[in-house]
């Protein structure tokens, strides 16, 4: 078994445990999934499938620790993989239902998509009653704005080269 197959087997094993275990065990299994995502060695397609499943868990009515572990794993994935907005969009749709600690993760995830579609959702939280949420929203807005400016500058320099 090569390294990639080993990582895939580890994730499959973790999913089986997540499906069959108590909340404490599910939490530690999600930590294992996070560790695999942090390696950056999954293909983009495989990482997206893992993230989709983590999004579903984060939106479930599981306990706080399980939902936090799922969101933490998605944040870990953003270090080495692109997070397409379409994959994490359900988090944006359900953002208002997250308690402040988990909302910090959601806002960070949305900012890391670098997709302008996330901007209006993130901006809604700039007036949130919790200071930490407002700070995370401001960081996410900054990240999204920076990526928009970067994209515009790339487009402009491409146009100059094409002239």
C-alpha atoms as a PDB file:
ATOM      1  CA  UNK A   1       0.000   0.000   0.000  1.00  0.00           C
ATOM      2  CA  UNK A   2       1.475   3.360  -0.981  1.00  0.00           C
ATOM      3  CA  UNK A   3       1.244   6.506   1.156  1.00  0.00           C
ATOM      4  CA  UNK A   4      -1.834   7.868  -0.642  1.00  0.00           C
ATOM      5  CA  UNK A   5      -3.724   4.606  -0.232  1.00  0.00           C
ATOM      6  CA  UNK A   6      -2.769   4.641   3.435  1.00  0.00           C
ATOM      7  CA  UNK A   7      -4.206   8.141   3.861  1.00  0.00           C
ATOM      8  CA  UNK A   8      -7.382   7.166   2.037  1.00  0.00           C
ATOM      9  CA  UNK A   9      -7.715   4.047   4.205  1.00  0.00           C
ATOM     10  CA  UNK A  10      -7.250   6.152   7.342  1.00  0.00           C
ATOM     11  CA  UNK A  11     -10.060   8.476   6.288  1.00  0.00           C
ATOM     12  CA  UNK A  12     -12.355   5.551   5.414  1.00  0.00           C
ATOM     13  CA  UNK A  13     -11.654   4.006   8.797  1.00  0.00           C
ATOM     14  CA  UNK A  14     -12.395   7.328  10.495  1.00  0.00           C
ATOM     15  CA  UNK A  15     -15.715   7.657   8.617  1.00  0.00           C
ATOM     16  CA  UNK A  16     -16.754   4.177   9.771  1.00  0.00           C
ATOM     17  CA  UNK A  17     -15.967   5.138  13.356  1.00  0.00           C
ATOM     18  CA  UNK A  18     -17.791   8.456  12.988  1.00  0.00           C
ATOM     19  CA  UNK A  19     -20.880   6.605  11.774  1.00  0.00           C
ATOM     20  CA  UNK A  20     -20.813   3.972  14.517  1.00  0.00           C
ATOM     21  CA  UNK A  21     -19.367   5.618  17.603  1.00  0.00           C
ATOM     22  CA  UNK A  22     -20.332   7.771  20.536  1.00  0.00           C
ATOM     23  CA  UNK A  23     -19.691  11.520  20.424  1.00  0.00           C
ATOM     24  CA  UNK A  24     -16.307  11.297  22.182  1.00  0.00           C
ATOM     25  CA  UNK A  25     -15.021   8.748  19.685  1.00  0.00           C
ATOM     26  CA  UNK A  26     -16.460  10.691  16.721  1.00  0.00           C
ATOM     27  CA  UNK A  27     -14.592  13.754  17.923  1.00  0.00           C
ATOM     28  CA  UNK A  28     -11.233  11.943  17.938  1.00  0.00           C
ATOM     29  CA  UNK A  29     -11.958  10.354  14.552  1.00  0.00           C
ATOM     30  CA  UNK A  30     -12.531  13.807  13.120  1.00  0.00           C
ATOM     31  CA  UNK A  31      -9.179  14.841  14.559  1.00  0.00           C
ATOM     32  CA  UNK A  32      -7.626  12.019  12.509  1.00  0.00           C
ATOM     33  CA  UNK A  33      -9.387  13.302   9.381  1.00  0.00           C
ATOM     34  CA  UNK A  34      -8.031  16.776  10.170  1.00  0.00           C
ATOM     35  CA  UNK A  35      -4.513  15.356  10.467  1.00  0.00           C
ATOM     36  CA  UNK A  36      -4.801  13.780   7.021  1.00  0.00           C
ATOM     37  CA  UNK A  37      -6.080  17.036   5.516  1.00  0.00           C
ATOM     38  CA  UNK A  38      -3.165  18.905   7.096  1.00  0.00           C
ATOM     39  CA  UNK A  39      -0.717  16.748   5.167  1.00  0.00           C
ATOM     40  CA  UNK A  40      -1.914  18.361   1.936  1.00  0.00           C
ATOM     41  CA  UNK A  41      -1.415  15.033   0.194  1.00  0.00           C
ATOM     42  CA  UNK A  42      -4.987  14.335  -0.881  1.00  0.00           C
ATOM     43  CA  UNK A  43      -6.014  15.201  -4.407  1.00  0.00           C
ATOM     44  CA  UNK A  44      -8.258  18.250  -4.697  1.00  0.00           C
ATOM     45  CA  UNK A  45     -11.236  16.026  -5.606  1.00  0.00           C
ATOM     46  CA  UNK A  46     -10.701  13.741  -2.611  1.00  0.00           C
ATOM     47  CA  UNK A  47     -10.225  16.717  -0.299  1.00  0.00           C
ATOM     48  CA  UNK A  48     -13.481  18.251  -1.567  1.00  0.00           C
ATOM     49  CA  UNK A  49     -15.369  15.013  -0.878  1.00  0.00           C
ATOM     50  CA  UNK A  50     -13.960  14.927   2.650  1.00  0.00           C
ATOM     51  CA  UNK A  51     -14.845  18.600   3.181  1.00  0.00           C
ATOM     52  CA  UNK A  52     -18.406  18.023   1.939  1.00  0.00           C
ATOM     53  CA  UNK A  53     -18.844  15.320   4.542  1.00  0.00           C
ATOM     54  CA  UNK A  54     -17.340  17.536   7.236  1.00  0.00           C
ATOM     55  CA  UNK A  55     -19.749  20.331   6.282  1.00  0.00           C
ATOM     56  CA  UNK A  56     -22.658  17.924   6.744  1.00  0.00           C
ATOM     57  CA  UNK A  57     -21.355  16.954  10.185  1.00  0.00           C
ATOM     58  CA  UNK A  58     -20.820  20.605  11.168  1.00  0.00           C
ATOM     59  CA  UNK A  59     -24.433  21.360  10.249  1.00  0.00           C
ATOM     60  CA  UNK A  60     -25.808  18.334  12.071  1.00  0.00           C
ATOM     61  CA  UNK A  61     -27.349  18.380  15.483  1.00  0.00           C
ATOM     62  CA  UNK A  62     -24.318  16.589  16.913  1.00  0.00           C
ATOM     63  CA  UNK A  63     -22.757  17.861  20.093  1.00  0.00           C
ATOM     64  CA  UNK A  64     -20.652  20.994  20.153  1.00  0.00           C
ATOM     65  CA  UNK A  65     -17.310  19.126  20.295  1.00  0.00           C
ATOM     66  CA  UNK A  66     -18.095  17.051  17.197  1.00  0.00           C
ATOM     67  CA  UNK A  67     -19.261  20.074  15.231  1.00  0.00           C
ATOM     68  CA  UNK A  68     -16.168  22.036  16.315  1.00  0.00           C
ATOM     69  CA  UNK A  69     -13.880  19.178  15.259  1.00  0.00           C
ATOM     70  CA  UNK A  70     -15.537  19.079  11.838  1.00  0.00           C
ATOM     71  CA  UNK A  71     -15.105  22.835  11.382  1.00  0.00           C
ATOM     72  CA  UNK A  72     -11.518  22.684  12.627  1.00  0.00           C
ATOM     73  CA  UNK A  73     -10.778  19.964  10.070  1.00  0.00           C
ATOM     74  CA  UNK A  74     -12.187  22.151   7.283  1.00  0.00           C
ATOM     75  CA  UNK A  75      -9.961  25.012   8.452  1.00  0.00           C
ATOM     76  CA  UNK A  76      -7.019  22.595   8.391  1.00  0.00           C
ATOM     77  CA  UNK A  77      -7.886  21.674   4.818  1.00  0.00           C
ATOM     78  CA  UNK A  78      -7.786  25.327   3.775  1.00  0.00           C
ATOM     79  CA  UNK A  79      -4.051  25.405   4.506  1.00  0.00           C
ATOM     80  CA  UNK A  80      -3.231  23.036   1.648  1.00  0.00           C
ATOM     81  CA  UNK A  81      -6.346  22.808  -0.507  1.00  0.00           C
ATOM     82  CA  UNK A  82      -8.578  25.301  -2.222  1.00  0.00           C
ATOM     83  CA  UNK A  83     -11.985  25.506  -0.618  1.00  0.00           C
ATOM     84  CA  UNK A  84     -14.444  26.113  -3.430  1.00  0.00           C
ATOM     85  CA  UNK A  85     -17.374  28.167  -2.211  1.00  0.00           C
ATOM     86  CA  UNK A  86     -19.824  25.666  -3.688  1.00  0.00           C
ATOM     87  CA  UNK A  87     -18.444  23.008  -1.316  1.00  0.00           C
ATOM     88  CA  UNK A  88     -18.796  25.113   1.848  1.00  0.00           C
ATOM     89  CA  UNK A  89     -21.846  27.129   0.798  1.00  0.00           C
ATOM     90  CA  UNK A  90     -24.150  25.178   3.140  1.00  0.00           C
ATOM     91  CA  UNK A  91     -22.131  26.674   6.018  1.00  0.00           C
ATOM     92  CA  UNK A  92     -22.871  30.145   4.648  1.00  0.00           C
ATOM     93  CA  UNK A  93     -26.568  29.347   4.406  1.00  0.00           C
ATOM     94  CA  UNK A  94     -26.623  28.064   7.995  1.00  0.00           C
ATOM     95  CA  UNK A  95     -24.164  30.603   9.450  1.00  0.00           C
ATOM     96  CA  UNK A  96     -26.717  32.419  11.588  1.00  0.00           C
ATOM     97  CA  UNK A  97     -27.495  29.182  13.431  1.00  0.00           C
ATOM     98  CA  UNK A  98     -23.960  28.700  14.782  1.00  0.00           C
ATOM     99  CA  UNK A  99     -23.004  29.766  18.282  1.00  0.00           C
ATOM    100  CA  UNK A 100     -20.211  32.392  18.392  1.00  0.00           C
ATOM    101  CA  UNK A 101     -17.265  29.997  18.874  1.00  0.00           C
ATOM    102  CA  UNK A 102     -18.320  27.857  15.909  1.00  0.00           C
ATOM    103  CA  UNK A 103     -19.259  30.932  13.883  1.00  0.00           C
ATOM    104  CA  UNK A 104     -15.615  32.056  14.115  1.00  0.00           C
ATOM    105  CA  UNK A 105     -14.633  28.874  12.255  1.00  0.00           C
ATOM    106  CA  UNK A 106     -17.378  29.350   9.667  1.00  0.00           C
ATOM    107  CA  UNK A 107     -16.296  32.914   8.922  1.00  0.00           C
ATOM    108  CA  UNK A 108     -12.671  31.852   8.612  1.00  0.00           C
ATOM    109  CA  UNK A 109     -13.683  29.083   6.208  1.00  0.00           C
ATOM    110  CA  UNK A 110     -15.765  31.458   4.094  1.00  0.00           C
ATOM    111  CA  UNK A 111     -12.883  33.941   3.937  1.00  0.00           C
ATOM    112  CA  UNK A 112     -10.491  31.227   2.825  1.00  0.00           C
ATOM    113  CA  UNK A 113     -12.639  30.441  -0.217  1.00  0.00           C
ATOM    114  CA  UNK A 114     -11.479  33.727  -1.794  1.00  0.00           C
ATOM    115  CA  UNK A 115     -14.869  33.732  -3.530  1.00  0.00           C
ATOM    116  CA  UNK A 116     -16.728  37.023  -3.702  1.00  0.00           C
ATOM    117  CA  UNK A 117     -20.025  35.164  -3.287  1.00  0.00           C
ATOM    118  CA  UNK A 118     -19.096  34.769   0.392  1.00  0.00           C
ATOM    119  CA  UNK A 119     -18.601  38.495   0.956  1.00  0.00           C
ATOM    120  CA  UNK A 120     -22.246  39.527   1.608  1.00  0.00           C
ATOM    121  CA  UNK A 121     -22.686  36.673   4.079  1.00  0.00           C
ATOM    122  CA  UNK A 122     -19.495  37.542   5.958  1.00  0.00           C
ATOM    123  CA  UNK A 123     -20.293  41.274   6.000  1.00  0.00           C
ATOM    124  CA  UNK A 124     -23.551  40.576   7.879  1.00  0.00           C
ATOM    125  CA  UNK A 125     -21.464  39.542  10.884  1.00  0.00           C
ATOM    126  CA  UNK A 126     -19.485  42.787  11.114  1.00  0.00           C
ATOM    127  CA  UNK A 127     -22.232  44.025  13.474  1.00  0.00           C
ATOM    128  CA  UNK A 128     -22.524  40.814  15.526  1.00  0.00           C
ATOM    129  CA  UNK A 129     -22.922  41.330  19.289  1.00  0.00           C
ATOM    130  CA  UNK A 130     -19.825  39.219  20.093  1.00  0.00           C
ATOM    131  CA  UNK A 131     -16.486  40.983  19.629  1.00  0.00           C
ATOM    132  CA  UNK A 132     -14.641  37.809  18.518  1.00  0.00           C
ATOM    133  CA  UNK A 133     -17.204  37.203  15.784  1.00  0.00           C
ATOM    134  CA  UNK A 134     -16.877  40.798  14.575  1.00  0.00           C
ATOM    135  CA  UNK A 135     -13.083  40.419  14.484  1.00  0.00           C
ATOM    136  CA  UNK A 136     -13.268  37.143  12.553  1.00  0.00           C
ATOM    137  CA  UNK A 137     -15.782  38.708  10.150  1.00  0.00           C
ATOM    138  CA  UNK A 138     -13.436  41.654   9.603  1.00  0.00           C
ATOM    139  CA  UNK A 139     -10.534  39.264   8.942  1.00  0.00           C
ATOM    140  CA  UNK A 140     -12.654  37.303   6.467  1.00  0.00           C
ATOM    141  CA  UNK A 141     -13.787  40.501   4.706  1.00  0.00           C
ATOM    142  CA  UNK A 142     -10.141  41.564   4.486  1.00  0.00           C
ATOM    143  CA  UNK A 143      -9.172  38.166   3.030  1.00  0.00           C
ATOM    144  CA  UNK A 144     -11.999  38.292   0.497  1.00  0.00           C
ATOM    145  CA  UNK A 145     -11.251  41.913  -0.415  1.00  0.00           C
ATOM    146  CA  UNK A 146      -7.547  41.157  -0.785  1.00  0.00           C
ATOM    147  CA  UNK A 147      -8.297  38.255  -3.113  1.00  0.00           C
ATOM    148  CA  UNK A 148     -10.642  40.469  -5.162  1.00  0.00           C
ATOM    149  CA  UNK A 149      -7.953  43.154  -5.493  1.00  0.00           C
ATOM    150  CA  UNK A 150      -5.374  40.510  -6.365  1.00  0.00           C
ATOM    151  CA  UNK A 151      -7.671  39.126  -9.032  1.00  0.00           C
ATOM    152  CA  UNK A 152      -8.258  42.573 -10.536  1.00  0.00           C
ATOM    153  CA  UNK A 153      -4.509  43.279 -10.596  1.00  0.00           C
ATOM    154  CA  UNK A 154      -3.859  39.896 -12.250  1.00  0.00           C
ATOM    155  CA  UNK A 155      -6.519  40.652 -14.860  1.00  0.00           C
ATOM    156  CA  UNK A 156      -5.031  44.073 -15.524  1.00  0.00           C
ATOM    157  CA  UNK A 157      -1.493  42.731 -15.894  1.00  0.00           C
ATOM    158  CA  UNK A 158      -2.763  39.992 -18.200  1.00  0.00           C
ATOM    159  CA  UNK A 159      -4.396  42.658 -20.338  1.00  0.00           C
ATOM    160  CA  UNK A 160      -1.182  44.640 -20.508  1.00  0.00           C
ATOM    161  CA  UNK A 161       0.769  41.614 -21.676  1.00  0.00           C
ATOM    162  CA  UNK A 162      -1.873  40.850 -24.266  1.00  0.00           C
ATOM    163  CA  UNK A 163      -1.621  44.351 -25.774  1.00  0.00           C
END
